Protein backbone atom coordinates (compact mmCIF):
# COMPACT_ATOMS: atom_id res chain seq x y z
CA MET A 1 -18.24 -8.02 16.60
CA THR A 2 -14.85 -8.04 18.15
CA LEU A 3 -11.92 -7.70 15.66
CA GLU A 4 -8.95 -9.92 16.20
CA ARG A 5 -5.47 -10.00 14.57
CA ARG A 6 -2.45 -12.03 15.10
CA ILE A 7 1.01 -10.22 14.82
CA GLY A 8 3.53 -13.12 15.14
CA PRO A 9 3.29 -14.76 18.52
CA ALA A 10 0.89 -11.98 19.80
CA HIS A 11 -2.87 -11.90 19.96
CA VAL A 12 -4.79 -8.53 19.46
CA ARG A 13 -8.50 -7.84 20.02
CA PHE A 14 -10.36 -4.56 19.41
CA THR A 15 -13.80 -4.35 21.12
CA ASP A 16 -17.10 -2.49 20.06
CA ARG A 17 -20.11 -1.34 21.80
CA GLY A 18 -21.46 -4.79 21.92
CA ASP A 19 -18.82 -6.29 24.10
CA GLY A 20 -20.21 -5.34 27.42
CA ASP A 21 -17.99 -6.36 30.42
CA MET A 22 -14.76 -6.10 28.35
CA ARG A 23 -12.49 -8.05 30.79
CA ARG A 24 -14.70 -11.05 31.39
CA SER A 25 -15.93 -11.30 27.60
CA LEU A 26 -12.56 -10.87 26.03
CA LEU A 27 -9.76 -12.36 28.18
CA GLU A 28 -9.39 -14.03 31.53
CA LEU A 29 -5.86 -12.58 32.22
CA PRO A 30 -4.77 -9.65 34.37
CA TRP A 31 -4.98 -6.31 32.47
CA THR A 32 -2.73 -3.52 32.59
CA TRP A 33 -4.96 -0.50 31.70
CA LEU A 34 -3.77 3.20 31.67
CA LEU A 35 -4.91 6.50 32.82
CA GLN A 36 -4.37 8.19 29.48
CA GLU A 37 -3.01 11.80 29.27
CA HIS A 38 -2.31 12.39 25.56
CA GLY A 39 1.47 12.34 26.38
CA ARG A 40 4.59 9.99 25.56
CA GLU A 41 4.88 8.33 29.00
CA VAL A 42 5.31 4.38 28.49
CA VAL A 43 5.15 2.02 31.23
CA ARG A 44 7.24 -1.51 31.25
CA VAL A 45 5.20 -4.17 32.62
CA ASP A 46 7.25 -6.92 34.40
CA ARG A 47 4.41 -9.23 35.39
CA PRO A 48 0.83 -9.71 34.39
CA GLY A 49 -1.34 -6.89 35.86
CA ALA A 50 1.60 -4.74 36.82
CA CYS A 51 1.23 -0.91 36.36
CA ALA A 52 -2.50 -0.98 36.08
CA GLY A 53 -3.80 2.49 36.45
CA ALA A 54 -0.46 4.21 35.68
CA ARG A 55 -0.55 7.69 34.04
CA ALA A 56 0.84 6.83 30.62
CA ASP A 57 -0.20 6.52 27.03
CA ALA A 58 1.69 3.27 26.02
CA ALA A 59 2.74 0.00 27.77
CA VAL A 60 5.19 -2.77 26.66
CA THR A 61 6.05 -6.05 28.11
CA ASN A 62 8.16 -9.19 27.31
CA GLN A 63 5.98 -11.21 29.90
CA PRO A 64 3.71 -14.10 28.59
CA GLY A 65 0.12 -13.81 29.99
CA ALA A 66 0.32 -9.93 30.33
CA ALA A 67 -2.49 -8.24 28.78
CA LEU A 68 -1.84 -4.62 27.82
CA ALA A 69 -4.85 -2.41 27.03
CA VAL A 70 -5.73 1.18 26.01
CA LEU A 71 -9.19 2.68 25.77
CA THR A 72 -10.14 4.89 22.77
CA ALA A 73 -13.19 6.56 21.20
CA ASP A 74 -11.81 8.36 18.09
CA CYS A 75 -7.90 8.31 19.01
CA ALA A 76 -5.99 5.63 17.28
CA PRO A 77 -5.09 2.50 19.28
CA VAL A 78 -1.75 0.98 17.89
CA ALA A 79 -0.93 -2.55 18.78
CA LEU A 80 2.84 -3.38 18.40
CA ALA A 81 4.76 -6.79 18.39
CA SER A 82 7.59 -8.64 17.09
CA THR A 83 8.64 -12.22 16.32
CA GLU A 84 11.04 -12.02 19.30
CA GLY A 85 8.13 -11.90 21.74
CA PRO A 86 7.94 -8.35 23.22
CA VAL A 87 4.59 -6.60 22.51
CA GLY A 88 3.07 -3.19 23.43
CA VAL A 89 0.03 -0.95 22.80
CA ALA A 90 -0.27 2.97 22.39
CA HIS A 91 -3.00 5.46 22.65
CA ALA A 92 -2.31 7.86 19.73
CA GLY A 93 -4.37 10.87 19.43
CA TRP A 94 -3.08 14.09 17.65
CA GLY A 95 -1.63 15.38 21.01
CA GLY A 96 0.13 12.27 21.80
CA LEU A 97 1.58 12.11 18.24
CA LEU A 98 2.97 15.45 18.57
CA ALA A 99 4.17 14.50 22.06
CA GLY A 100 6.08 11.61 20.59
CA VAL A 101 4.10 8.56 21.93
CA ILE A 102 4.91 6.44 18.96
CA PRO A 103 8.66 6.69 19.09
CA SER A 104 8.62 6.26 22.86
CA ALA A 105 6.63 3.01 22.59
CA VAL A 106 8.81 1.59 19.82
CA GLU A 107 12.04 2.41 21.35
CA ALA A 108 10.82 0.89 24.65
CA LEU A 109 9.76 -2.35 22.78
CA ARG A 110 13.26 -2.50 21.18
CA ASP A 111 14.83 -2.00 24.60
CA LEU A 112 12.99 -5.18 25.52
CA GLY A 113 14.73 -7.03 22.54
CA ALA A 114 12.20 -6.48 19.69
CA SER A 115 13.90 -5.88 16.15
CA ASP A 116 11.30 -6.24 13.39
CA VAL A 117 8.44 -4.38 14.77
CA HIS A 118 4.92 -4.89 13.24
CA ALA A 119 1.88 -2.57 13.97
CA VAL A 120 -1.90 -2.71 13.59
CA ILE A 121 -4.00 0.48 13.77
CA GLY A 122 -7.35 -0.15 15.35
CA PRO A 123 -10.70 1.66 15.07
CA CYS A 124 -10.25 5.32 14.94
CA ILE A 125 -11.87 8.32 13.40
CA HIS A 126 -11.06 8.89 9.64
CA ALA A 127 -10.64 12.16 7.96
CA GLU A 128 -14.09 12.19 6.29
CA CYS A 129 -15.47 12.62 10.02
CA TYR A 130 -12.63 14.66 11.61
CA ALA A 131 -12.81 18.32 10.95
CA PHE A 132 -9.80 20.02 12.27
CA GLY A 133 -8.63 23.47 13.15
CA ALA A 134 -6.25 25.09 10.64
CA GLU A 135 -3.54 25.91 13.35
CA ASP A 136 -3.28 22.56 14.85
CA LEU A 137 -3.46 20.89 11.42
CA ASP A 138 -0.57 23.13 10.41
CA ARG A 139 1.45 21.69 13.29
CA LEU A 140 0.93 18.20 12.36
CA ILE A 141 1.78 18.99 8.75
CA ASP A 142 4.82 20.62 9.81
CA ARG A 143 5.85 17.46 12.04
CA PHE A 144 4.62 14.52 9.85
CA GLY A 145 4.17 16.09 6.29
CA PRO A 146 1.40 17.02 3.97
CA ASP A 147 -0.35 13.62 3.82
CA VAL A 148 -1.77 14.15 7.16
CA ALA A 149 -4.11 16.78 5.55
CA GLY A 150 -7.37 15.46 4.51
CA SER A 151 -10.90 16.54 3.93
CA THR A 152 -14.27 15.78 5.63
CA ALA A 153 -17.19 14.48 3.65
CA ALA A 154 -18.49 18.14 3.49
CA GLY A 155 -15.09 19.24 2.19
CA ALA A 156 -13.76 21.00 5.28
CA PRO A 157 -10.11 20.70 6.47
CA ALA A 158 -9.63 17.48 8.28
CA LEU A 159 -6.91 15.37 9.89
CA ASP A 160 -5.91 11.93 8.27
CA LEU A 161 -5.12 10.33 11.74
CA GLN A 162 -3.91 7.27 10.28
CA ALA A 163 -1.52 8.83 7.93
CA ALA A 164 0.04 10.59 11.10
CA VAL A 165 0.31 7.14 12.77
CA ARG A 166 1.89 5.61 9.75
CA ALA A 167 4.24 8.58 9.47
CA ALA A 168 5.38 8.23 13.03
CA LEU A 169 5.82 4.50 12.77
CA ALA A 170 7.91 4.90 9.58
CA GLU A 171 10.17 7.34 11.35
CA GLN A 172 11.00 4.56 13.60
CA GLY A 173 11.67 1.83 10.89
CA VAL A 174 8.15 0.20 11.35
CA GLU A 175 7.49 -0.99 7.84
CA TYR A 176 4.74 -3.47 8.37
CA VAL A 177 1.44 -1.56 9.24
CA GLU A 178 -1.98 -3.02 8.97
CA ASP A 179 -5.12 -0.75 9.48
CA VAL A 180 -8.35 -2.54 10.37
CA GLY A 181 -10.25 0.25 8.40
CA VAL A 182 -12.95 1.04 10.76
CA CYS A 183 -13.88 4.79 11.20
CA THR A 184 -15.51 5.24 14.67
CA GLY A 185 -17.33 8.39 13.43
CA CYS A 186 -19.05 6.31 10.62
CA SER A 187 -19.52 2.84 12.48
CA PRO A 188 -22.77 2.42 14.32
CA ASP A 189 -20.95 -0.38 16.24
CA HIS A 190 -18.24 1.88 17.84
CA PHE A 191 -18.33 4.75 20.20
CA SER A 192 -17.38 8.29 19.10
CA TRP A 193 -17.06 11.52 20.91
CA ARG A 194 -16.45 13.76 17.82
CA ALA A 195 -19.14 12.38 15.77
CA ARG A 196 -21.87 11.73 18.54
CA LYS A 197 -20.61 13.00 21.98
CA GLU A 198 -20.47 9.44 23.40
CA HIS A 199 -18.65 8.77 26.57
CA GLY A 200 -18.26 4.91 25.87
CA ARG A 201 -14.69 3.57 24.84
CA GLN A 202 -13.47 0.71 22.98
CA ALA A 203 -10.70 -1.46 24.26
CA THR A 204 -7.65 -2.51 22.48
CA VAL A 205 -5.86 -5.50 24.17
CA ILE A 206 -2.71 -7.22 23.13
CA TRP A 207 -1.18 -10.33 24.78
CA ARG A 208 0.88 -13.51 24.14
């Protein structure tokens, strides 16, 4: 079942494996989708459908009727909005977090007039399913603090991806953060590369 949230004037939808043709089933608006690269590039969308296919990991807009989307399996989709109207979305895997995708997206949103930014973290892999190499985990601990270190269900070192996203948001003064609480590794309704080597992706779409 598609998850839906409201952030002020913005609508957010998170798909799952049952949604089929996502664009027709979710929203009859022009989508801005991205060629994601685990970096920090943000596109500013000045009309519905603009920048579709851009190489970036986040998008922002202040245009009504512009649907911004990221596709994820285990990385965290982060929807951003404010009462002033600008909205954004970011694809936040561990590489993108280290590259600075969250500050880039929040700064771009504020450049469009957003002040009190709210965020929703969509379905992503949770620590119990996310065994992680010690060297890369140490890099994330050095950058975001010890709370990003977790354990898998089997007791192996793991990354708490949501904790890392929350830390990155907190650094930008984003205090209201909701997590939909879905682990893609555990959920039979969601795609996961880490857990099941699946090639499918969920979409996160935000618009107003």
